[in-house]
C-alpha cells in the first residue's frame, strides 16, 4: 500500500520539514526527491502477490523507502550513520537477485527496479552525518 508521494521538504502529515524551514536543499537531495516522487506515483508491479520475484522487488522497495524518507526529512540532507551502514552492506551483497527478478517479470519490472537502483546509488553518494 502506498502513501502520498514524497516530496522534499514536505513532512509525512503535510507539514514542512527542516528543508523547507531553513535547511539547504542540495542538488542531490532535490534529485532524490524527484526520483522518489516519480517512483511513488508509478503503478505497482502487476502480477500475483504470491510471485516470489514480485515479492523480492517489493521487499527491496520497502527496505529502501524509509531511508529515502529519512533523508528527505533531515535538515541537511545527510545520511545517518545507521543508514550508511545499511547501504554499504546492501552494496556489498549486490543486486543480482533483484535484477534477475525484474528480468523474469519483463519490461515494466525492469524499469521499476532500474529506478529503485538509481535511488539507491544516489543515496550512497550523499554526504554522511558528522
Protein backbone atom coordinates (compact mmCIF):
# COMPACT_ATOMS: atom_id res chain seq x y z
CA UNK A 1 0.00 0.00 0.00
CA UNK A 2 1.31 3.44 -0.87
CA UNK A 3 1.11 6.75 0.91
CA UNK A 4 1.03 10.10 -0.79
CA UNK A 5 4.07 10.80 -2.99
CA UNK A 6 7.06 12.02 -1.03
CA UNK A 7 8.31 15.49 -1.72
CA UNK A 8 11.48 17.08 -0.42
CA UNK A 9 10.51 19.48 2.28
CA UNK A 10 7.05 18.08 2.90
CA UNK A 11 6.66 16.11 6.08
CA UNK A 12 4.59 12.92 6.43
CA UNK A 13 1.48 14.78 7.57
CA UNK A 14 1.93 17.57 5.04
CA UNK A 15 3.82 19.90 7.37
CA UNK A 16 7.10 21.47 6.44
CA UNK A 17 10.27 19.53 7.07
CA UNK A 18 13.51 21.22 8.08
CA UNK A 19 14.41 21.51 4.38
CA UNK A 20 11.57 23.99 3.98
CA UNK A 21 12.32 25.81 7.21
CA UNK A 22 15.91 26.79 6.65
CA UNK A 23 17.81 23.64 5.71
CA UNK A 24 19.79 23.64 2.47
CA UNK A 25 18.27 21.61 -0.35
CA UNK A 26 21.29 20.25 -2.21
CA UNK A 27 21.06 19.24 -5.88
CA UNK A 28 21.47 15.60 -4.85
CA UNK A 29 18.62 15.74 -2.35
CA UNK A 30 16.44 17.58 -4.89
CA UNK A 31 17.16 14.84 -7.44
CA UNK A 32 16.43 12.18 -4.83
CA UNK A 33 13.08 13.82 -4.11
CA UNK A 34 12.20 13.94 -7.81
CA UNK A 35 13.13 10.29 -8.34
CA UNK A 36 11.22 9.20 -5.25
CA UNK A 37 8.11 11.15 -6.26
CA UNK A 38 8.29 9.61 -9.74
CA UNK A 39 8.66 6.17 -8.23
CA UNK A 40 5.84 6.59 -5.74
CA UNK A 41 3.49 7.83 -8.44
CA UNK A 42 4.24 4.89 -10.76
CA UNK A 43 1.85 1.95 -10.77
CA UNK A 44 2.65 -1.03 -8.62
CA UNK A 45 4.00 -4.08 -10.39
CA UNK A 46 1.31 -6.27 -11.84
CA UNK A 47 1.18 -9.93 -11.00
CA UNK A 48 0.26 -12.36 -8.31
CA UNK A 49 1.15 -11.34 -4.78
CA UNK A 50 2.50 -14.84 -4.23
CA UNK A 51 5.07 -14.49 -7.05
CA UNK A 52 8.44 -14.59 -5.26
CA UNK A 53 10.04 -12.41 -7.94
CA UNK A 54 7.49 -9.67 -7.29
CA UNK A 55 7.98 -10.14 -3.55
CA UNK A 56 11.76 -9.71 -3.95
CA UNK A 57 11.22 -6.34 -5.62
CA UNK A 58 8.60 -5.26 -3.06
CA UNK A 59 10.94 -6.21 -0.22
CA UNK A 60 13.74 -4.12 -1.72
CA UNK A 61 11.38 -1.16 -2.15
CA UNK A 62 10.16 -1.48 1.45
CA UNK A 63 13.77 -1.52 2.65
CA UNK A 64 14.79 1.49 0.56
CA UNK A 65 11.73 3.67 1.24
CA UNK A 66 12.37 4.51 4.91
CA UNK A 67 15.95 5.53 4.11
CA UNK A 68 14.76 7.90 1.39
CA UNK A 69 12.03 9.33 3.60
CA UNK A 70 14.53 9.92 6.41
CA UNK A 71 16.90 11.80 4.08
CA UNK A 72 14.08 13.97 2.77
CA UNK A 73 13.20 14.92 6.34
CA UNK A 74 16.72 15.74 7.53
CA UNK A 75 17.62 19.45 7.67
CA UNK A 76 20.95 18.94 5.93
CA UNK A 77 20.06 16.02 3.64
CA UNK A 78 22.81 13.84 5.10
CA UNK A 79 22.79 10.09 5.52
CA UNK A 80 22.70 8.89 9.11
CA UNK A 81 25.48 6.52 10.21
CA UNK A 82 22.99 3.65 10.56
CA UNK A 83 21.56 4.14 7.10
CA UNK A 84 25.08 4.47 5.72
CA UNK A 85 25.94 1.06 7.17
CA UNK A 86 22.77 -0.48 5.73
CA UNK A 87 23.59 0.87 2.27
CA UNK A 88 27.18 -0.37 2.48
CA UNK A 89 26.01 -3.87 3.38
CA UNK A 90 23.45 -3.86 0.57
CA UNK A 91 26.03 -2.69 -1.96
CA UNK A 92 28.43 -5.43 -0.83
CA UNK A 93 25.69 -8.03 -1.31
CA UNK A 94 24.98 -6.78 -4.83
CA UNK A 95 21.77 -6.58 -6.79
CA UNK A 96 21.88 -9.84 -8.75
CA UNK A 97 18.67 -11.24 -7.24
CA UNK A 98 16.60 -8.12 -7.79
CA UNK A 99 17.83 -7.79 -11.40
CA UNK A 100 17.04 -11.46 -12.03
CA UNK A 101 13.53 -10.98 -10.66
CA UNK A 102 13.00 -7.88 -12.78
CA UNK A 103 14.33 -9.58 -15.89
CA UNK A 104 11.98 -12.52 -15.44
CA UNK A 105 8.97 -10.22 -14.95
CA UNK A 106 9.60 -8.18 -18.11
CA UNK A 107 9.93 -4.54 -19.10
CA UNK A 108 7.69 -2.80 -16.56
CA UNK A 109 9.55 -4.54 -13.74
CA UNK A 110 12.96 -3.71 -15.24
CA UNK A 111 12.09 -0.01 -15.39
CA UNK A 112 10.68 -0.14 -11.86
CA UNK A 113 13.84 -1.77 -10.49
CA UNK A 114 16.14 0.49 -12.51
CA UNK A 115 14.54 3.50 -10.80
CA UNK A 116 14.93 1.89 -7.37
CA UNK A 117 18.59 1.15 -8.05
CA UNK A 118 19.18 4.71 -9.27
CA UNK A 119 17.72 5.90 -5.97
CA UNK A 120 19.99 3.52 -4.05
CA UNK A 121 23.02 4.76 -5.98
CA UNK A 122 22.13 8.38 -5.31
CA UNK A 123 21.72 7.62 -1.61
CA UNK A 124 25.18 6.09 -1.48
CA UNK A 125 26.66 9.33 -2.83
CA UNK A 126 25.07 11.61 -0.24
CA UNK A 127 27.28 13.06 2.48
CA UNK A 128 27.29 11.27 5.82
CA UNK A 129 26.15 12.87 9.05
CA UNK A 130 29.06 14.28 11.05
